[in-house]
Each structure stands twice: as C-alpha cells, then as structure tokens.
PDB file of N, CA and C in Angstrom:
ATOM      1  N   MET A   1     135.291  90.740 198.080  1.00  0.00           N
ATOM      2  CA  MET A   1     136.087  90.920 199.626  1.00  0.00           C
ATOM      3  C   MET A   1     135.420  90.457 200.533  1.00  0.00           C
ATOM      4  N   GLY A   2     136.135  89.697 201.623  1.00  0.00           N
ATOM      5  CA  GLY A   2     135.557  89.024 203.504  1.00  0.00           C
ATOM      6  C   GLY A   2     134.962  90.028 204.166  1.00  0.00           C
ATOM      7  N   ALA A   3     135.156  89.356 205.093  1.00  0.00           N
ATOM      8  CA  ALA A   3     133.969  90.146 206.465  1.00  0.00           C
ATOM      9  C   ALA A   3     135.047  91.487 206.261  1.00  0.00           C
ATOM     10  N   THR A   4     134.856  92.477 206.669  1.00  0.00           N
ATOM     11  CA  THR A   4     135.546  93.645 206.420  1.00  0.00           C
ATOM     12  C   THR A   4     136.017  94.069 208.488  1.00  0.00           C
ATOM     13  N   ALA A   5     137.352  94.356 208.734  1.00  0.00           N
ATOM     14  CA  ALA A   5     137.776  94.580 210.028  1.00  0.00           C
ATOM     15  C   ALA A   5     137.593  96.294 210.245  1.00  0.00           C
ATOM     16  N   GLY A   6     137.752  97.161 209.639  1.00  0.00           N
ATOM     17  CA  GLY A   6     137.607  98.237 209.339  1.00  0.00           C
ATOM     18  C   GLY A   6     138.314  99.218 208.307  1.00  0.00           C
ATOM     19  N   LYS A   7     138.424 100.048 208.678  1.00  0.00           N
ATOM     20  CA  LYS A   7     139.420 101.163 207.069  1.00  0.00           C
ATOM     21  C   LYS A   7     140.721 101.334 207.683  1.00  0.00           C
ATOM     22  N   LEU A   8     141.416 101.598 206.183  1.00  0.00           N
ATOM     23  CA  LEU A   8     142.692 101.564 206.345  1.00  0.00           C
ATOM     24  C   LEU A   8     143.154 102.641 205.658  1.00  0.00           C
ATOM     25  N   GLY A   9     143.415 103.873 205.730  1.00  0.00           N
ATOM     26  CA  GLY A   9     143.563 105.045 204.442  1.00  0.00           C
ATOM     27  C   GLY A   9     142.014 105.327 203.875  1.00  0.00           C
ATOM     28  N   GLY A  10     140.719 104.936 204.886  1.00  0.00           N
ATOM     29  CA  GLY A  10     139.808 105.760 204.196  1.00  0.00           C
ATOM     30  C   GLY A  10     138.964 104.076 203.209  1.00  0.00           C
ATOM     31  N   ILE A  11     139.735 103.326 203.442  1.00  0.00           N
ATOM     32  CA  ILE A  11     139.589 102.189 202.408  1.00  0.00           C
ATOM     33  C   ILE A  11     138.698 100.809 203.428  1.00  0.00           C
ATOM     34  N   THR A  12     138.140 100.013 203.190  1.00  0.00           N
ATOM     35  CA  THR A  12     137.514  98.901 203.777  1.00  0.00           C
ATOM     36  C   THR A  12     138.074  97.805 203.527  1.00  0.00           C
ATOM     37  N   VAL A  13     139.099  97.215 204.792  1.00  0.00           N
ATOM     38  CA  VAL A  13     139.822  96.152 204.137  1.00  0.00           C
ATOM     39  C   VAL A  13     139.710  94.664 205.231  1.00  0.00           C
ATOM     40  N   CYS A  14     139.754  93.825 204.599  1.00  0.00           N
ATOM     41  CA  CYS A  14     139.505  92.619 205.407  1.00  0.00           C
ATOM     42  C   CYS A  14     139.750  91.797 206.608  1.00  0.00           C
ATOM     43  N   TRP A  15     138.796  90.962 207.051  1.00  0.00           N
ATOM     44  CA  TRP A  15     139.762  90.236 208.175  1.00  0.00           C
ATOM     45  C   TRP A  15     141.058  89.874 208.004  1.00  0.00           C
ATOM     46  N   SER A  16     141.045  89.071 207.239  1.00  0.00           N
ATOM     47  CA  SER A  16     141.813  87.792 206.786  1.00  0.00           C
ATOM     48  C   SER A  16     142.314  88.219 205.239  1.00  0.00           C
ATOM     49  N   CYS A  17     143.558  89.087 205.223  1.00  0.00           N
ATOM     50  CA  CYS A  17     143.971  89.404 203.469  1.00  0.00           C
ATOM     51  C   CYS A  17     144.822  87.874 202.938  1.00  0.00           C
ATOM     52  N   ASN A  18     144.435  87.657 201.647  1.00  0.00           N
ATOM     53  CA  ASN A  18     145.405  87.025 200.923  1.00  0.00           C
ATOM     54  C   ASN A  18     146.122  88.052 200.122  1.00  0.00           C
ATOM     55  N   PRO A  19     147.047  88.434 200.185  1.00  0.00           N
ATOM     56  CA  PRO A  19     148.059  89.021 199.138  1.00  0.00           C
ATOM     57  C   PRO A  19     147.803  89.056 197.988  1.00  0.00           C
ATOM     58  N   TYR A  20     147.394  88.099 197.489  1.00  0.00           N
ATOM     59  CA  TYR A  20     147.463  87.937 195.966  1.00  0.00           C
ATOM     60  C   TYR A  20     146.030  87.985 195.300  1.00  0.00           C
ATOM     61  N   CYS A  21     144.910  88.328 196.222  1.00  0.00           N
ATOM     62  CA  CYS A  21     143.637  88.629 195.705  1.00  0.00           C
ATOM     63  C   CYS A  21     143.119  90.426 195.238  1.00  0.00           C
ATOM     64  N   GLY A  22     143.696  91.301 195.603  1.00  0.00           N
ATOM     65  CA  GLY A  22     143.895  92.250 194.997  1.00  0.00           C
ATOM     66  C   GLY A  22     142.693  92.990 194.922  1.00  0.00           C
ATOM     67  N   GLY A  23     141.581  92.486 196.281  1.00  0.00           N
ATOM     68  CA  GLY A  23     140.184  93.155 196.360  1.00  0.00           C
ATOM     69  C   GLY A  23     140.583  94.398 196.923  1.00  0.00           C
ATOM     70  N   CYS A  24     140.886  94.584 198.022  1.00  0.00           N
ATOM     71  CA  CYS A  24     141.297  95.764 198.792  1.00  0.00           C
ATOM     72  C   CYS A  24     142.246  96.963 198.405  1.00  0.00           C
ATOM     73  N   LYS A  25     143.682  96.321 197.478  1.00  0.00           N
ATOM     74  CA  LYS A  25     144.752  96.699 197.376  1.00  0.00           C
ATOM     75  C   LYS A  25     145.170  96.420 196.720  1.00  0.00           C
ATOM     76  N   PRO A  26     146.481  96.378 195.798  1.00  0.00           N
ATOM     77  CA  PRO A  26     146.931  95.964 194.617  1.00  0.00           C
ATOM     78  C   PRO A  26     147.614  94.619 195.518  1.00  0.00           C
ATOM     79  N   PRO A  27     147.444  93.529 194.263  1.00  0.00           N
ATOM     80  CA  PRO A  27     147.998  92.356 194.798  1.00  0.00           C
ATOM     81  C   PRO A  27     149.447  92.127 194.727  1.00  0.00           C
ATOM     82  N   LYS A  28     150.111  91.528 195.290  1.00  0.00           N
ATOM     83  CA  LYS A  28     151.422  90.890 195.332  1.00  0.00           C
ATOM     84  C   LYS A  28     151.121  90.269 194.077  1.00  0.00           C
ATOM     85  N   PRO A  29     153.052  89.824 193.687  1.00  0.00           N
ATOM     86  CA  PRO A  29     153.168  89.547 192.451  1.00  0.00           C
ATOM     87  C   PRO A  29     153.015  88.122 192.454  1.00  0.00           C
ATOM     88  N   LYS A  30     152.242  86.982 191.712  1.00  0.00           N
ATOM     89  CA  LYS A  30     152.125  85.736 192.010  1.00  0.00           C
ATOM     90  C   LYS A  30     154.045  85.019 192.029  1.00  0.00           C
ATOM     91  N   PRO A  31     154.209  83.859 192.472  1.00  0.00           N
ATOM     92  CA  PRO A  31     155.337  83.121 192.211  1.00  0.00           C
ATOM     93  C   PRO A  31     155.433  82.773 191.030  1.00  0.00           C
ATOM     94  N   ILE A  32     156.893  82.458 190.362  1.00  0.00           N
ATOM     95  CA  ILE A  32     157.282  82.026 189.030  1.00  0.00           C
ATOM     96  C   ILE A  32     157.812  80.724 189.276  1.00  0.00           C
ATOM     97  N   LYS A  33     157.174  79.741 188.203  1.00  0.00           N
ATOM     98  CA  LYS A  33     157.427  78.436 188.145  1.00  0.00           C
ATOM     99  C   LYS A  33     158.484  78.050 187.221  1.00  0.00           C
ATOM    100  N   CYS A  34     159.643  77.457 187.941  1.00  0.00           N
ATOM    101  CA  CYS A  34     160.526  77.290 187.195  1.00  0.00           C
ATOM    102  C   CYS A  34     160.666  76.197 186.466  1.00  0.00           C
ATOM    103  N   PRO A  35     161.122  76.388 184.824  1.00  0.00           N
ATOM    104  CA  PRO A  35     160.805  76.064 183.480  1.00  0.00           C
ATOM    105  C   PRO A  35     161.620  74.861 184.069  1.00  0.00           C
ATOM    106  N   GLY A  36     162.921  74.880 184.407  1.00  0.00           N
ATOM    107  CA  GLY A  36     163.773  73.814 184.874  1.00  0.00           C
ATOM    108  C   GLY A  36     163.239  72.260 185.860  1.00  0.00           C
ATOM    109  N   CYS A  37     163.368  73.095 187.174  1.00  0.00           N
ATOM    110  CA  CYS A  37     162.905  72.226 188.401  1.00  0.00           C
ATOM    111  C   CYS A  37     161.583  72.254 188.694  1.00  0.00           C
ATOM    112  N   LYS A  38     160.780  73.627 188.314  1.00  0.00           N
ATOM    113  CA  LYS A  38     159.284  73.392 188.478  1.00  0.00           C
ATOM    114  C   LYS A  38     159.071  73.744 189.959  1.00  0.00           C
ATOM    115  N   ALA A  39     160.548  74.330 190.349  1.00  0.00           N
ATOM    116  CA  ALA A  39     159.954  75.463 192.103  1.00  0.00           C
ATOM    117  C   ALA A  39     159.648  76.528 191.769  1.00  0.00           C
ATOM    118  N   PHE A  40     158.828  76.659 192.545  1.00  0.00           N
ATOM    119  CA  PHE A  40     158.142  77.982 192.862  1.00  0.00           C
ATOM    120  C   PHE A  40     159.070  79.285 193.359  1.00  0.00           C
ATOM    121  N   ASN A  41     159.453  80.309 193.070  1.00  0.00           N
ATOM    122  CA  ASN A  41     160.195  81.256 193.462  1.00  0.00           C
ATOM    123  C   ASN A  41     159.080  82.666 193.403  1.00  0.00           C
ATOM    124  N   PHE A  42     159.541  83.866 194.868  1.00  0.00           N
ATOM    125  CA  PHE A  42     158.988  84.634 195.081  1.00  0.00           C
ATOM    126  C   PHE A  42     159.748  85.643 194.861  1.00  0.00           C
ATOM    127  N   GLY A  43     159.193  86.920 194.652  1.00  0.00           N
ATOM    128  CA  GLY A  43     160.281  87.797 194.628  1.00  0.00           C
ATOM    129  C   GLY A  43     160.553  88.611 193.120  1.00  0.00           C
ATOM    130  N   GLU A  44     162.248  89.252 193.439  1.00  0.00           N
ATOM    131  CA  GLU A  44     161.826  89.982 192.039  1.00  0.00           C
ATOM    132  C   GLU A  44     163.021  89.032 191.860  1.00  0.00           C
ATOM    133  N   GLU A  45     163.934  87.871 192.238  1.00  0.00           N
ATOM    134  CA  GLU A  45     164.439  87.418 191.751  1.00  0.00           C
ATOM    135  C   GLU A  45     164.680  86.875 190.017  1.00  0.00           C
ATOM    136  N   ARG A  46     165.951  86.801 189.152  1.00  0.00           N
ATOM    137  CA  ARG A  46     165.534  86.622 188.031  1.00  0.00           C
ATOM    138  C   ARG A  46     166.373  85.176 187.957  1.00  0.00           C
ATOM    139  N   ASN A  47     167.217  84.547 189.395  1.00  0.00           N
ATOM    140  CA  ASN A  47     167.545  82.737 188.764  1.00  0.00           C
ATOM    141  C   ASN A  47     166.422  82.064 189.609  1.00  0.00           C
ATOM    142  N   CYS A  48     166.729  81.124 189.483  1.00  0.00           N
ATOM    143  CA  CYS A  48     165.745  80.164 190.499  1.00  0.00           C
ATOM    144  C   CYS A  48     166.507  80.133 191.779  1.00  0.00           C
ATOM    145  N   LYS A  49     166.018  79.717 192.339  1.00  0.00           N
ATOM    146  CA  LYS A  49     166.415  79.480 193.868  1.00  0.00           C
ATOM    147  C   LYS A  49     167.116  78.114 194.396  1.00  0.00           C
ATOM    148  N   ARG A  50     166.595  77.507 193.465  1.00  0.00           N
ATOM    149  CA  ARG A  50     166.966  75.845 193.681  1.00  0.00           C
ATOM    150  C   ARG A  50     167.832  75.340 193.049  1.00  0.00           C
ATOM    151  N   CYS A  51     167.881  75.742 191.112  1.00  0.00           N
ATOM    152  CA  CYS A  51     168.989  75.172 190.389  1.00  0.00           C
ATOM    153  C   CYS A  51     169.410  76.319 189.833  1.00  0.00           C
ATOM    154  N   GLY A  52     169.032  77.998 189.625  1.00  0.00           N
ATOM    155  CA  GLY A  52     169.948  78.904 189.302  1.00  0.00           C
ATOM    156  C   GLY A  52     169.841  79.090 187.665  1.00  0.00           C
ATOM    157  N   ALA A  53     168.452  78.613 187.236  1.00  0.00           N
ATOM    158  CA  ALA A  53     167.812  78.183 185.765  1.00  0.00           C
ATOM    159  C   ALA A  53     167.512  80.087 185.503  1.00  0.00           C
ATOM    160  N   VAL A  54     167.234  80.425 184.297  1.00  0.00           N
ATOM    161  CA  VAL A  54     166.580  81.958 184.701  1.00  0.00           C
ATOM    162  C   VAL A  54     165.386  81.969 184.439  1.00  0.00           C
ATOM    163  N   LEU A  55     164.510  82.265 185.454  1.00  0.00           N
ATOM    164  CA  LEU A  55     163.657  82.432 184.912  1.00  0.00           C
ATOM    165  C   LEU A  55     162.941  83.259 183.994  1.00  0.00           C
ATOM    166  N   PRO A  56     161.617  83.366 183.564  1.00  0.00           N
ATOM    167  CA  PRO A  56     160.727  83.999 182.346  1.00  0.00           C
ATOM    168  C   PRO A  56     160.203  85.186 183.434  1.00  0.00           C
ATOM    169  N   GLU A  57     160.162  86.007 182.427  1.00  0.00           N
ATOM    170  CA  GLU A  57     160.023  87.707 183.216  1.00  0.00           C
ATOM    171  C   GLU A  57     158.497  87.731 183.003  1.00  0.00           C
ATOM    172  N   ARG A  58     157.741  88.450 184.356  1.00  0.00           N
ATOM    173  CA  ARG A  58     156.884  88.828 184.964  1.00  0.00           C
ATOM    174  C   ARG A  58     156.445  89.685 183.951  1.00  0.00           C
ATOM    175  N   GLU A  59     154.748  89.810 184.099  1.00  0.00           N
ATOM    176  CA  GLU A  59     153.964  90.202 182.745  1.00  0.00           C
ATOM    177  C   GLU A  59     153.837  91.353 183.818  1.00  0.00           C
ATOM    178  N   PRO A  60     153.891  92.810 183.781  1.00  0.00           N
ATOM    179  CA  PRO A  60     153.450  93.555 184.050  1.00  0.00           C
ATOM    180  C   PRO A  60     151.729  93.870 183.819  1.00  0.00           C
ATOM    181  N   PRO A  61     150.778  94.222 185.153  1.00  0.00           N
ATOM    182  CA  PRO A  61     149.558  94.336 185.280  1.00  0.00           C
ATOM    183  C   PRO A  61     149.280  95.466 184.313  1.00  0.00           C
ATOM    184  N   PRO A  62     148.326  95.168 183.821  1.00  0.00           N
ATOM    185  CA  PRO A  62     147.929  96.407 182.316  1.00  0.00           C
ATOM    186  C   PRO A  62     147.457  97.552 183.402  1.00  0.00           C
ATOM    187  N   THR A  63     147.621  98.205 182.656  1.00  0.00           N
ATOM    188  CA  THR A  63     147.432  99.921 183.139  1.00  0.00           C
ATOM    189  C   THR A  63     145.584 100.269 182.820  1.00  0.00           C
ATOM    190  N   VAL A  64     144.944 100.513 183.928  1.00  0.00           N
ATOM    191  CA  VAL A  64     143.582 100.569 183.840  1.00  0.00           C
ATOM    192  C   VAL A  64     143.340 102.005 184.080  1.00  0.00           C
ATOM    193  N   MET A  65     141.875 102.609 183.919  1.00  0.00           N
ATOM    194  CA  MET A  65     141.435 103.674 184.387  1.00  0.00           C
ATOM    195  C   MET A  65     140.488 103.544 185.583  1.00  0.00           C
ATOM    196  N   CYS A  66     141.242 103.768 186.792  1.00  0.00           N
ATOM    197  CA  CYS A  66     140.698 103.635 188.087  1.00  0.00           C
ATOM    198  C   CYS A  66     139.370 104.574 188.056  1.00  0.00           C
ATOM    199  N   LEU A  67     137.898 103.668 188.351  1.00  0.00           N
ATOM    200  CA  LEU A  67     136.764 104.803 188.663  1.00  0.00           C
ATOM    201  C   LEU A  67     136.681 105.114 189.900  1.00  0.00           C
ATOM    202  N   TYR A  68     137.583 104.777 190.549  1.00  0.00           N
ATOM    203  CA  TYR A  68     137.349 105.302 191.997  1.00  0.00           C
ATOM    204  C   TYR A  68     138.241 106.284 192.430  1.00  0.00           C
ATOM    205  N   ILE A  69     139.326 106.475 192.039  1.00  0.00           N
ATOM    206  CA  ILE A  69     139.872 108.095 191.580  1.00  0.00           C
ATOM    207  C   ILE A  69     139.542 108.712 190.459  1.00  0.00           C
ATOM    208  N   GLY A  70     139.420 108.243 189.555  1.00  0.00           N
ATOM    209  CA  GLY A  70     139.186 108.779 188.277  1.00  0.00           C
ATOM    210  C   GLY A  70     140.483 108.819 187.780  1.00  0.00           C
ATOM    211  N   LYS A  71     141.562 108.201 187.969  1.00  0.00           N
ATOM    212  CA  LYS A  71     143.011 108.575 187.543  1.00  0.00           C
ATOM    213  C   LYS A  71     143.531 106.824 186.736  1.00  0.00           C
ATOM    214  N   LEU A  72     144.568 106.752 185.808  1.00  0.00           N
ATOM    215  CA  LEU A  72     145.178 105.844 185.262  1.00  0.00           C
ATOM    216  C   LEU A  72     146.051 105.430 186.315  1.00  0.00           C
ATOM    217  N   CYS A  73     146.103 103.818 186.490  1.00  0.00           N
ATOM    218  CA  CYS A  73     146.837 102.980 187.958  1.00  0.00           C
ATOM    219  C   CYS A  73     147.381 102.327 186.466  1.00  0.00           C
ATOM    220  N   ALA A  74     149.004 101.847 187.394  1.00  0.00           N
ATOM    221  CA  ALA A  74     149.589 100.713 186.503  1.00  0.00           C
ATOM    222  C   ALA A  74     149.688  99.555 187.553  1.00  0.00           C
ATOM    223  N   ASN A  75     148.710  99.643 188.729  1.00  0.00           N
ATOM    224  CA  ASN A  75     149.113  98.483 189.640  1.00  0.00           C
ATOM    225  C   ASN A  75     147.867  98.167 189.868  1.00  0.00           C
ATOM    226  N   PRO A  76     146.766  98.215 189.629  1.00  0.00           N
ATOM    227  CA  PRO A  76     145.099  98.066 189.970  1.00  0.00           C
ATOM    228  C   PRO A  76     145.044  97.244 191.316  1.00  0.00           C
ATOM    229  N   CYS A  77     143.673  97.467 191.891  1.00  0.00           N
ATOM    230  CA  CYS A  77     143.023  96.701 192.821  1.00  0.00           C
ATOM    231  C   CYS A  77     141.764  96.407 191.944  1.00  0.00           C
ATOM    232  N   LEU A  78     141.426  95.779 192.707  1.00  0.00           N
ATOM    233  CA  LEU A  78     139.604  95.403 192.323  1.00  0.00           C
ATOM    234  C   LEU A  78     138.564  96.368 192.545  1.00  0.00           C
ATOM    235  N   ARG A  79     138.641  97.445 193.014  1.00  0.00           N
ATOM    236  CA  ARG A  79     138.316  98.965 193.408  1.00  0.00           C
ATOM    237  C   ARG A  79     138.522  99.545 191.855  1.00  0.00           C
ATOM    238  N   HIS A  80     139.135  99.316 190.997  1.00  0.00           N
ATOM    239  CA  HIS A  80     139.112 100.321 189.744  1.00  0.00           C
ATOM    240  C   HIS A  80     138.147 100.080 189.056  1.00  0.00           C
ATOM    241  N   LYS A  81     137.088  99.203 189.183  1.00  0.00           N
ATOM    242  CA  LYS A  81     135.929  98.614 188.577  1.00  0.00           C
ATOM    243  C   LYS A  81     134.558  99.730 189.089  1.00  0.00           C
ATOM    244  N   LYS A  82     134.670 100.366 189.955  1.00  0.00           N
ATOM    245  CA  LYS A  82     133.550 101.228 190.360  1.00  0.00           C
ATOM    246  C   LYS A  82     133.913 102.507 191.067  1.00  0.00           C
ATOM    247  N   PRO A  83     132.772 103.565 191.011  1.00  0.00           N
ATOM    248  CA  PRO A  83     133.221 104.674 191.438  1.00  0.00           C
ATOM    249  C   PRO A  83     133.004 104.156 193.029  1.00  0.00           C
ATOM    250  N   PRO A  84     133.767 105.711 193.719  1.00  0.00           N
ATOM    251  CA  PRO A  84     133.088 105.164 195.028  1.00  0.00           C
ATOM    252  C   PRO A  84     131.529 105.916 195.796  1.00  0.00           C
ATOM    253  N   GLY A  85     131.107 105.580 196.602  1.00  0.00           N
ATOM    254  CA  GLY A  85     129.855 106.298 196.910  1.00  0.00           C
ATOM    255  C   GLY A  85     129.448 107.117 197.310  1.00  0.00           C
ATOM    256  N   GLU A  86     128.144 107.771 197.348  1.00  0.00           N
ATOM    257  CA  GLU A  86     127.816 109.183 197.780  1.00  0.00           C
ATOM    258  C   GLU A  86     128.860 109.448 199.877  1.00  0.00           C
ATOM    259  N   ASP A  87     128.581 108.687 200.085  1.00  0.00           N
ATOM    260  CA  ASP A  87     129.660 108.985 200.897  1.00  0.00           C
ATOM    261  C   ASP A  87     130.847 109.221 201.089  1.00  0.00           C
ATOM    262  N   GLU A  88     131.441 108.362 200.392  1.00  0.00           N
ATOM    263  CA  GLU A  88     132.752 107.707 200.253  1.00  0.00           C
ATOM    264  C   GLU A  88     133.886 108.990 199.635  1.00  0.00           C
ATOM    265  N   LYS A  89     135.265 108.950 200.586  1.00  0.00           N
ATOM    266  CA  LYS A  89     135.631 110.427 199.536  1.00  0.00           C
ATOM    267  C   LYS A  89     136.686 109.469 198.820  1.00  0.00           C
ATOM    268  N   ALA A  90     137.400 109.681 197.790  1.00  0.00           N
ATOM    269  CA  ALA A  90     137.875 108.839 196.435  1.00  0.00           C
ATOM    270  C   ALA A  90     139.302 109.475 196.910  1.00  0.00           C
ATOM    271  N   VAL A  91     140.177 108.451 197.605  1.00  0.00           N
ATOM    272  CA  VAL A  91     141.215 108.745 198.528  1.00  0.00           C
ATOM    273  C   VAL A  91     142.102 107.112 198.559  1.00  0.00           C
ATOM    274  N   CYS A  92     142.868 107.186 197.319  1.00  0.00           N
ATOM    275  CA  CYS A  92     143.321 105.904 197.047  1.00  0.00           C
ATOM    276  C   CYS A  92     145.389 105.363 197.600  1.00  0.00           C
ATOM    277  N   ILE A  93     145.494 104.845 198.668  1.00  0.00           N
ATOM    278  CA  ILE A  93     146.511 105.330 199.178  1.00  0.00           C
ATOM    279  C   ILE A  93     147.864 104.508 198.356  1.00  0.00           C
ATOM    280  N   TRP A  94     147.201 103.334 197.643  1.00  0.00           N
ATOM    281  CA  TRP A  94     148.169 102.552 196.948  1.00  0.00           C
ATOM    282  C   TRP A  94     148.146 102.529 195.438  1.00  0.00           C
ATOM    283  N   HIS A  95     147.737 104.074 194.895  1.00  0.00           N
ATOM    284  CA  HIS A  95     147.897 104.593 193.331  1.00  0.00           C
ATOM    285  C   HIS A  95     149.466 104.798 192.798  1.00  0.00           C
ATOM    286  N   THR A  96     149.427 103.340 192.007  1.00  0.00           N
ATOM    287  CA  THR A  96     150.437 103.642 190.940  1.00  0.00           C
ATOM    288  C   THR A  96     150.809 104.136 189.768  1.00  0.00           C
ATOM    289  N   PRO A  97     151.154 105.474 189.741  1.00  0.00           N
ATOM    290  CA  PRO A  97     150.846 106.165 188.171  1.00  0.00           C
ATOM    291  C   PRO A  97     151.680 105.503 186.966  1.00  0.00           C
ATOM    292  N   PRO A  98     151.105 105.397 185.881  1.00  0.00           N
ATOM    293  CA  PRO A  98     152.232 104.969 184.981  1.00  0.00           C
ATOM    294  C   PRO A  98     152.974 105.263 184.608  1.00  0.00           C
ATOM    295  N   LYS A  99     154.114 104.411 184.530  1.00  0.00           N
ATOM    296  CA  LYS A  99     155.571 105.156 183.938  1.00  0.00           C
ATOM    297  C   LYS A  99     155.277 105.609 182.534  1.00  0.00           C
ATOM    298  N   ASP A 100     156.091 106.822 182.200  1.00  0.00           N
ATOM    299  CA  ASP A 100     156.302 107.810 181.058  1.00  0.00           C
ATOM    300  C   ASP A 100     156.658 106.999 179.878  1.00  0.00           C
ATOM    301  N   PRO A 101     156.240 106.792 178.515  1.00  0.00           N
ATOM    302  CA  PRO A 101     157.085 105.638 177.798  1.00  0.00           C
ATOM    303  C   PRO A 101     158.296 106.594 177.171  1.00  0.00           C
ATOM    304  N   GLU A 102     159.415 106.177 177.030  1.00  0.00           N
ATOM    305  CA  GLU A 102     160.820 106.391 176.644  1.00  0.00           C
ATOM    306  C   GLU A 102     160.757 106.372 175.492  1.00  0.00           C
TER     307      GLU A 102
END
C-alpha cells in the first residue's frame, strides 16, 4: 500500500489509487485481450469493441476466508490476509458474500 491519505469507512486508503492493485479494496477486473486483433477490452462486454470477436470468459476471483472480518469473501482485497489491529474495528464496506451453489 502506498502513502495513506486518510480513512474511508474505517479503512486506510492510498493517496493515489491503482484500481487494479487490490490493496485497500477489491481490484477492478483486468482488461481482456482479444485473441483476434489483440486489442484490450475493459468492462463486461462479451465481444471485442474493435473486431467483434467473442472474448474469452473472465475467471472469477477465488473465494477466500477474510481474516480481517472473519467471513468468506468472493471478491477479496489484500486485507483478507491479516486480522485487524487491536484498536481497529473490523468492518469492511466491500465485503462480497459468496454465491450459493445452485
């Protein structure tokens, strides 16, 4: 994590946020490279914006036990690796419960 700017919902955040880092909040999905034209595609689109080819499926992040809040999380940030400090309140505004298997 970089230099801290303050707290957001009880969580220390960075001055300059890299949305793909995942240090203080879940990372954004990385862009998918088109197998046809090699263009990078952002977002949830299923077809390439440049050539229209079908893009490969995104792999969902692994569900992990978050040590920070003590619950399973389907979209974890790096805070899941250690429990909160003694003076910290264990609250996560980005907690994503796992989907029930169907």
